[in-house]
Amino acid sequence: MPTHKDTAKKETISSADKPTLSAKATEVKKTAPRARKSKVAGAGESPHLRIRIRAYEHKILDASLKQIMDTAARYDAEVHGPVPLPTEIKKYTVNRSSFIDKNSREQFEMRVHKRLIDIINPNPKVIEALTNLSLPSGVNIDVKMM
Protein backbone atom coordinates (compact mmCIF):
# COMPACT_ATOMS: atom_id res chain seq x y z
CA MET A 1 0.00 0.00 0.00
CA PRO A 2 1.41 3.39 -0.99
CA THR A 3 2.12 5.82 1.73
CA HIS A 4 1.17 9.45 1.89
CA LYS A 5 4.71 10.49 1.10
CA ASP A 6 4.70 8.57 -2.20
CA THR A 7 1.52 10.17 -3.47
CA ALA A 8 2.52 13.65 -2.41
CA LYS A 9 5.85 13.47 -4.24
CA LYS A 10 6.02 16.29 -6.78
CA GLU A 11 7.91 16.20 -9.98
CA THR A 12 10.24 19.11 -10.42
CA ILE A 13 10.87 20.58 -13.81
CA SER A 14 14.13 22.29 -14.44
CA SER A 15 14.21 25.66 -16.17
CA ALA A 16 15.84 24.07 -19.24
CA ASP A 17 12.83 21.74 -19.70
CA LYS A 18 10.21 24.56 -19.48
CA PRO A 19 8.83 25.73 -22.82
CA THR A 20 9.67 29.33 -23.60
CA LEU A 21 7.81 31.79 -25.78
CA SER A 22 9.66 32.87 -28.85
CA ALA A 23 10.24 36.53 -29.59
CA LYS A 24 7.82 36.35 -32.52
CA ALA A 25 4.98 35.06 -30.36
CA THR A 26 5.30 37.87 -27.82
CA GLU A 27 5.31 40.67 -30.38
CA VAL A 28 2.04 42.47 -30.95
CA LYS A 29 0.97 42.41 -34.56
CA LYS A 30 0.79 45.96 -35.83
CA THR A 31 -1.07 46.90 -38.97
CA ALA A 32 -1.07 50.09 -40.93
CA PRO A 33 -4.07 52.38 -40.29
CA ARG A 34 -6.79 52.25 -42.92
CA ALA A 35 -6.89 54.96 -45.50
CA ARG A 36 -9.94 57.18 -45.12
CA LYS A 37 -12.12 58.08 -48.04
CA SER A 38 -11.80 61.68 -49.03
CA LYS A 39 -15.01 63.68 -49.16
CA VAL A 40 -13.59 66.09 -51.72
CA ALA A 41 -15.04 65.42 -55.16
CA GLY A 42 -11.76 65.98 -56.98
CA ALA A 43 -9.73 63.45 -54.98
CA GLY A 44 -10.35 60.35 -57.08
CA GLU A 45 -14.08 60.27 -56.42
CA SER A 46 -16.56 61.26 -59.09
CA PRO A 47 -19.03 64.06 -58.25
CA HIS A 48 -22.61 63.05 -57.69
CA LEU A 49 -25.97 64.51 -56.74
CA ARG A 50 -27.59 63.26 -53.56
CA ILE A 51 -31.34 63.77 -53.59
CA ARG A 52 -33.39 63.27 -50.40
CA ILE A 53 -37.14 63.17 -50.89
CA ARG A 54 -39.65 63.47 -48.03
CA ALA A 55 -43.46 63.26 -48.09
CA TYR A 56 -46.38 62.41 -45.83
CA GLU A 57 -47.99 60.07 -48.36
CA HIS A 58 -45.92 57.23 -49.77
CA LYS A 59 -47.89 57.04 -53.04
CA ILE A 60 -47.08 60.64 -53.94
CA LEU A 61 -43.49 60.04 -52.88
CA ASP A 62 -43.14 57.00 -55.14
CA ALA A 63 -44.74 58.85 -58.09
CA SER A 64 -42.33 61.78 -57.78
CA LEU A 65 -39.46 59.33 -57.34
CA LYS A 66 -40.40 57.64 -60.60
CA GLN A 67 -40.45 61.04 -62.36
CA ILE A 68 -36.93 61.82 -61.14
CA MET A 69 -35.62 58.38 -62.13
CA ASP A 70 -37.19 58.65 -65.61
CA THR A 71 -35.70 62.12 -66.12
CA ALA A 72 -32.23 60.92 -65.14
CA ALA A 73 -32.56 57.82 -67.35
CA ARG A 74 -33.63 59.97 -70.32
CA TYR A 75 -30.26 61.75 -70.22
CA ASP A 76 -28.24 58.54 -69.63
CA ALA A 77 -27.22 59.34 -66.06
CA GLU A 78 -26.15 56.55 -63.71
CA VAL A 79 -28.64 56.32 -60.84
CA HIS A 80 -28.14 54.55 -57.51
CA GLY A 81 -31.31 54.00 -55.56
CA PRO A 82 -33.96 54.64 -54.50
CA VAL A 83 -32.87 53.76 -50.99
CA PRO A 84 -35.71 53.74 -48.43
CA LEU A 85 -34.76 55.63 -45.29
CA PRO A 86 -36.47 55.06 -41.91
CA THR A 87 -39.95 56.51 -41.64
CA GLU A 88 -40.08 59.34 -39.12
CA ILE A 89 -43.12 58.95 -36.84
CA LYS A 90 -44.31 61.82 -34.64
CA LYS A 91 -46.96 60.81 -32.09
CA TYR A 92 -49.23 63.24 -30.23
CA THR A 93 -51.44 62.24 -27.29
CA VAL A 94 -54.36 64.54 -26.33
CA ASN A 95 -57.24 64.38 -23.86
CA ARG A 96 -60.60 63.64 -25.46
CA SER A 97 -62.48 66.03 -23.20
CA SER A 98 -61.37 69.33 -21.78
CA PHE A 99 -62.66 68.98 -18.22
CA ILE A 100 -63.06 65.42 -16.94
CA ASP A 101 -62.03 61.88 -17.86
CA LYS A 102 -58.26 62.14 -17.70
CA ASN A 103 -58.03 58.45 -18.62
CA SER A 104 -59.79 58.99 -21.93
CA ARG A 105 -57.14 60.01 -24.47
CA GLU A 106 -56.60 59.96 -28.19
CA GLN A 107 -53.35 59.42 -30.09
CA PHE A 108 -52.49 60.95 -33.44
CA GLU A 109 -49.40 60.37 -35.54
CA MET A 110 -47.69 61.92 -38.52
CA ARG A 111 -45.54 59.69 -40.71
CA VAL A 112 -42.83 61.20 -42.87
CA HIS A 113 -41.64 58.77 -45.55
CA LYS A 114 -38.12 59.33 -46.91
CA ARG A 115 -36.11 58.10 -49.90
CA LEU A 116 -32.57 58.71 -51.15
CA ILE A 117 -31.25 58.76 -54.73
CA ASP A 118 -27.67 59.27 -55.94
CA ILE A 119 -26.99 60.42 -59.50
CA ILE A 120 -23.38 59.70 -60.44
CA ASN A 121 -21.56 62.13 -62.79
CA PRO A 122 -24.52 64.34 -63.64
CA ASN A 123 -24.10 66.38 -66.80
CA PRO A 124 -25.58 69.90 -67.06
CA LYS A 125 -28.56 68.64 -69.07
CA VAL A 126 -29.60 66.33 -66.23
CA ILE A 127 -29.30 69.11 -63.65
CA GLU A 128 -31.33 71.50 -65.79
CA ALA A 129 -34.03 68.89 -66.41
CA LEU A 130 -34.29 68.12 -62.69
CA THR A 131 -34.64 71.80 -61.77
CA ASN A 132 -37.44 72.27 -64.34
CA LEU A 133 -39.30 69.18 -63.10
CA SER A 134 -42.73 69.93 -61.62
CA LEU A 135 -43.53 67.66 -58.69
CA PRO A 136 -46.78 67.39 -56.70
CA SER A 137 -47.30 69.51 -53.61
CA GLY A 138 -46.45 67.85 -50.32
CA VAL A 139 -43.11 66.53 -51.58
CA ASN A 140 -39.98 68.08 -50.08
CA ILE A 141 -36.69 67.67 -51.99
CA ASP A 142 -33.16 68.35 -50.75
CA VAL A 143 -30.41 68.27 -53.40
CA LYS A 144 -26.71 68.26 -52.49
CA MET A 145 -23.67 68.11 -54.75
CA MET A 146 -21.18 65.72 -53.18
C-alpha atoms as a PDB file:
ATOM      1  CA  MET A   1       0.000   0.000   0.000  1.00  0.00           C
ATOM      2  CA  PRO A   2       1.408   3.393  -0.991  1.00  0.00           C
ATOM      3  CA  THR A   3       2.124   5.823   1.731  1.00  0.00           C
ATOM      4  CA  HIS A   4       1.174   9.446   1.885  1.00  0.00           C
ATOM      5  CA  LYS A   5       4.712  10.493   1.101  1.00  0.00           C
ATOM      6  CA  ASP A   6       4.704   8.566  -2.197  1.00  0.00           C
ATOM      7  CA  THR A   7       1.523  10.165  -3.466  1.00  0.00           C
ATOM      8  CA  ALA A   8       2.524  13.648  -2.410  1.00  0.00           C
ATOM      9  CA  LYS A   9       5.855  13.473  -4.242  1.00  0.00           C
ATOM     10  CA  LYS A  10       6.015  16.291  -6.783  1.00  0.00           C
ATOM     11  CA  GLU A  11       7.912  16.204  -9.977  1.00  0.00           C
ATOM     12  CA  THR A  12      10.238  19.109 -10.418  1.00  0.00           C
ATOM     13  CA  ILE A  13      10.875  20.579 -13.811  1.00  0.00           C
ATOM     14  CA  SER A  14      14.131  22.292 -14.443  1.00  0.00           C
ATOM     15  CA  SER A  15      14.212  25.662 -16.165  1.00  0.00           C
ATOM     16  CA  ALA A  16      15.837  24.075 -19.241  1.00  0.00           C
ATOM     17  CA  ASP A  17      12.829  21.742 -19.696  1.00  0.00           C
ATOM     18  CA  LYS A  18      10.213  24.564 -19.484  1.00  0.00           C
ATOM     19  CA  PRO A  19       8.835  25.726 -22.822  1.00  0.00           C
ATOM     20  CA  THR A  20       9.668  29.335 -23.600  1.00  0.00           C
ATOM     21  CA  LEU A  21       7.811  31.786 -25.784  1.00  0.00           C
ATOM     22  CA  SER A  22       9.659  32.867 -28.849  1.00  0.00           C
ATOM     23  CA  ALA A  23      10.242  36.528 -29.588  1.00  0.00           C
ATOM     24  CA  LYS A  24       7.824  36.353 -32.521  1.00  0.00           C
ATOM     25  CA  ALA A  25       4.979  35.056 -30.359  1.00  0.00           C
ATOM     26  CA  THR A  26       5.298  37.868 -27.818  1.00  0.00           C
ATOM     27  CA  GLU A  27       5.310  40.671 -30.376  1.00  0.00           C
ATOM     28  CA  VAL A  28       2.040  42.469 -30.952  1.00  0.00           C
ATOM     29  CA  LYS A  29       0.968  42.409 -34.562  1.00  0.00           C
ATOM     30  CA  LYS A  30       0.791  45.964 -35.834  1.00  0.00           C
ATOM     31  CA  THR A  31      -1.073  46.905 -38.972  1.00  0.00           C
ATOM     32  CA  ALA A  32      -1.072  50.092 -40.933  1.00  0.00           C
ATOM     33  CA  PRO A  33      -4.066  52.384 -40.292  1.00  0.00           C
ATOM     34  CA  ARG A  34      -6.795  52.247 -42.918  1.00  0.00           C
ATOM     35  CA  ALA A  35      -6.895  54.965 -45.496  1.00  0.00           C
ATOM     36  CA  ARG A  36      -9.936  57.182 -45.123  1.00  0.00           C
ATOM     37  CA  LYS A  37     -12.118  58.080 -48.040  1.00  0.00           C
ATOM     38  CA  SER A  38     -11.799  61.677 -49.027  1.00  0.00           C
ATOM     39  CA  LYS A  39     -15.012  63.677 -49.159  1.00  0.00           C
ATOM     40  CA  VAL A  40     -13.589  66.087 -51.717  1.00  0.00           C
ATOM     41  CA  ALA A  41     -15.040  65.418 -55.159  1.00  0.00           C
ATOM     42  CA  GLY A  42     -11.756  65.976 -56.980  1.00  0.00           C
ATOM     43  CA  ALA A  43      -9.731  63.452 -54.985  1.00  0.00           C
ATOM     44  CA  GLY A  44     -10.347  60.346 -57.079  1.00  0.00           C
ATOM     45  CA  GLU A  45     -14.081  60.274 -56.418  1.00  0.00           C
ATOM     46  CA  SER A  46     -16.564  61.265 -59.090  1.00  0.00           C
ATOM     47  CA  PRO A  47     -19.028  64.056 -58.251  1.00  0.00           C
ATOM     48  CA  HIS A  48     -22.607  63.050 -57.694  1.00  0.00           C
ATOM     49  CA  LEU A  49     -25.970  64.514 -56.735  1.00  0.00           C
ATOM     50  CA  ARG A  50     -27.587  63.264 -53.564  1.00  0.00           C
ATOM     51  CA  ILE A  51     -31.341  63.768 -53.594  1.00  0.00           C
ATOM     52  CA  ARG A  52     -33.394  63.267 -50.404  1.00  0.00           C
ATOM     53  CA  ILE A  53     -37.144  63.170 -50.893  1.00  0.00           C
ATOM     54  CA  ARG A  54     -39.652  63.471 -48.035  1.00  0.00           C
ATOM     55  CA  ALA A  55     -43.462  63.261 -48.087  1.00  0.00           C
ATOM     56  CA  TYR A  56     -46.383  62.411 -45.827  1.00  0.00           C
ATOM     57  CA  GLU A  57     -47.993  60.073 -48.359  1.00  0.00           C
ATOM     58  CA  HIS A  58     -45.921  57.229 -49.770  1.00  0.00           C
ATOM     59  CA  LYS A  59     -47.886  57.035 -53.041  1.00  0.00           C
ATOM     60  CA  ILE A  60     -47.076  60.637 -53.940  1.00  0.00           C
ATOM     61  CA  LEU A  61     -43.486  60.037 -52.884  1.00  0.00           C
ATOM     62  CA  ASP A  62     -43.142  57.000 -55.142  1.00  0.00           C
ATOM     63  CA  ALA A  63     -44.744  58.846 -58.089  1.00  0.00           C
ATOM     64  CA  SER A  64     -42.329  61.776 -57.784  1.00  0.00           C
ATOM     65  CA  LEU A  65     -39.464  59.326 -57.345  1.00  0.00           C
ATOM     66  CA  LYS A  66     -40.405  57.640 -60.602  1.00  0.00           C
ATOM     67  CA  GLN A  67     -40.452  61.045 -62.364  1.00  0.00           C
ATOM     68  CA  ILE A  68     -36.927  61.824 -61.138  1.00  0.00           C
ATOM     69  CA  MET A  69     -35.623  58.377 -62.130  1.00  0.00           C
ATOM     70  CA  ASP A  70     -37.187  58.650 -65.609  1.00  0.00           C
ATOM     71  CA  THR A  71     -35.703  62.123 -66.125  1.00  0.00           C
ATOM     72  CA  ALA A  72     -32.228  60.916 -65.136  1.00  0.00           C
ATOM     73  CA  ALA A  73     -32.565  57.818 -67.354  1.00  0.00           C
ATOM     74  CA  ARG A  74     -33.631  59.966 -70.323  1.00  0.00           C
ATOM     75  CA  TYR A  75     -30.258  61.754 -70.223  1.00  0.00           C
ATOM     76  CA  ASP A  76     -28.238  58.540 -69.634  1.00  0.00           C
ATOM     77  CA  ALA A  77     -27.220  59.343 -66.059  1.00  0.00           C
ATOM     78  CA  GLU A  78     -26.151  56.552 -63.712  1.00  0.00           C
ATOM     79  CA  VAL A  79     -28.637  56.324 -60.838  1.00  0.00           C
ATOM     80  CA  HIS A  80     -28.141  54.545 -57.509  1.00  0.00           C
ATOM     81  CA  GLY A  81     -31.314  54.003 -55.564  1.00  0.00           C
ATOM     82  CA  PRO A  82     -33.960  54.636 -54.505  1.00  0.00           C
ATOM     83  CA  VAL A  83     -32.872  53.762 -50.985  1.00  0.00           C
ATOM     84  CA  PRO A  84     -35.710  53.742 -48.432  1.00  0.00           C
ATOM     85  CA  LEU A  85     -34.760  55.630 -45.286  1.00  0.00           C
ATOM     86  CA  PRO A  86     -36.466  55.064 -41.913  1.00  0.00           C
ATOM     87  CA  THR A  87     -39.951  56.512 -41.638  1.00  0.00           C
ATOM     88  CA  GLU A  88     -40.078  59.339 -39.121  1.00  0.00           C
ATOM     89  CA  ILE A  89     -43.123  58.950 -36.839  1.00  0.00           C
ATOM     90  CA  LYS A  90     -44.310  61.817 -34.637  1.00  0.00           C
ATOM     91  CA  LYS A  91     -46.959  60.813 -32.094  1.00  0.00           C
ATOM     92  CA  TYR A  92     -49.227  63.237 -30.230  1.00  0.00           C
ATOM     93  CA  THR A  93     -51.441  62.243 -27.287  1.00  0.00           C
ATOM     94  CA  VAL A  94     -54.355  64.537 -26.335  1.00  0.00           C
ATOM     95  CA  ASN A  95     -57.237  64.378 -23.859  1.00  0.00           C
ATOM     96  CA  ARG A  96     -60.602  63.638 -25.463  1.00  0.00           C
ATOM     97  CA  SER A  97     -62.476  66.032 -23.202  1.00  0.00           C
ATOM     98  CA  SER A  98     -61.372  69.334 -21.783  1.00  0.00           C
ATOM     99  CA  PHE A  99     -62.656  68.979 -18.217  1.00  0.00           C
ATOM    100  CA  ILE A 100     -63.064  65.422 -16.936  1.00  0.00           C
ATOM    101  CA  ASP A 101     -62.032  61.875 -17.857  1.00  0.00           C
ATOM    102  CA  LYS A 102     -58.260  62.141 -17.701  1.00  0.00           C
ATOM    103  CA  ASN A 103     -58.033  58.451 -18.616  1.00  0.00           C
ATOM    104  CA  SER A 104     -59.788  58.991 -21.932  1.00  0.00           C
ATOM    105  CA  ARG A 105     -57.142  60.006 -24.466  1.00  0.00           C
ATOM    106  CA  GLU A 106     -56.595  59.959 -28.194  1.00  0.00           C
ATOM    107  CA  GLN A 107     -53.354  59.416 -30.089  1.00  0.00           C
ATOM    108  CA  PHE A 108     -52.488  60.946 -33.438  1.00  0.00           C
ATOM    109  CA  GLU A 109     -49.403  60.373 -35.536  1.00  0.00           C
ATOM    110  CA  MET A 110     -47.688  61.916 -38.517  1.00  0.00           C
ATOM    111  CA  ARG A 111     -45.539  59.686 -40.706  1.00  0.00           C
ATOM    112  CA  VAL A 112     -42.825  61.203 -42.870  1.00  0.00           C
ATOM    113  CA  HIS A 113     -41.643  58.775 -45.554  1.00  0.00           C
ATOM    114  CA  LYS A 114     -38.119  59.334 -46.909  1.00  0.00           C
ATOM    115  CA  ARG A 115     -36.113  58.100 -49.899  1.00  0.00           C
ATOM    116  CA  LEU A 116     -32.566  58.707 -51.145  1.00  0.00           C
ATOM    117  CA  ILE A 117     -31.248  58.764 -54.727  1.00  0.00           C
ATOM    118  CA  ASP A 118     -27.666  59.271 -55.945  1.00  0.00           C
ATOM    119  CA  ILE A 119     -26.995  60.416 -59.497  1.00  0.00           C
ATOM    120  CA  ILE A 120     -23.377  59.702 -60.444  1.00  0.00           C
ATOM    121  CA  ASN A 121     -21.561  62.125 -62.793  1.00  0.00           C
ATOM    122  CA  PRO A 122     -24.525  64.342 -63.638  1.00  0.00           C
ATOM    123  CA  ASN A 123     -24.098  66.383 -66.805  1.00  0.00           C
ATOM    124  CA  PRO A 124     -25.578  69.904 -67.061  1.00  0.00           C
ATOM    125  CA  LYS A 125     -28.560  68.641 -69.066  1.00  0.00           C
ATOM    126  CA  VAL A 126     -29.601  66.331 -66.226  1.00  0.00           C
ATOM    127  CA  ILE A 127     -29.304  69.111 -63.646  1.00  0.00           C
ATOM    128  CA  GLU A 128     -31.326  71.502 -65.789  1.00  0.00           C
ATOM    129  CA  ALA A 129     -34.028  68.891 -66.412  1.00  0.00           C
ATOM    130  CA  LEU A 130     -34.286  68.124 -62.685  1.00  0.00           C
ATOM    131  CA  THR A 131     -34.637  71.801 -61.773  1.00  0.00           C
ATOM    132  CA  ASN A 132     -37.438  72.267 -64.339  1.00  0.00           C
ATOM    133  CA  LEU A 133     -39.296  69.176 -63.103  1.00  0.00           C
ATOM    134  CA  SER A 134     -42.729  69.929 -61.615  1.00  0.00           C
ATOM    135  CA  LEU A 135     -43.526  67.663 -58.691  1.00  0.00           C
ATOM    136  CA  PRO A 136     -46.775  67.389 -56.701  1.00  0.00           C
ATOM    137  CA  SER A 137     -47.300  69.514 -53.610  1.00  0.00           C
ATOM    138  CA  GLY A 138     -46.455  67.851 -50.323  1.00  0.00           C
ATOM    139  CA  VAL A 139     -43.112  66.532 -51.585  1.00  0.00           C
ATOM    140  CA  ASN A 140     -39.977  68.075 -50.078  1.00  0.00           C
ATOM    141  CA  ILE A 141     -36.692  67.675 -51.992  1.00  0.00           C
ATOM    142  CA  ASP A 142     -33.158  68.345 -50.750  1.00  0.00           C
ATOM    143  CA  VAL A 143     -30.408  68.274 -53.398  1.00  0.00           C
ATOM    144  CA  LYS A 144     -26.712  68.255 -52.494  1.00  0.00           C
ATOM    145  CA  MET A 145     -23.673  68.114 -54.747  1.00  0.00           C
ATOM    146  CA  MET A 146     -21.185  65.718 -53.177  1.00  0.00           C
END
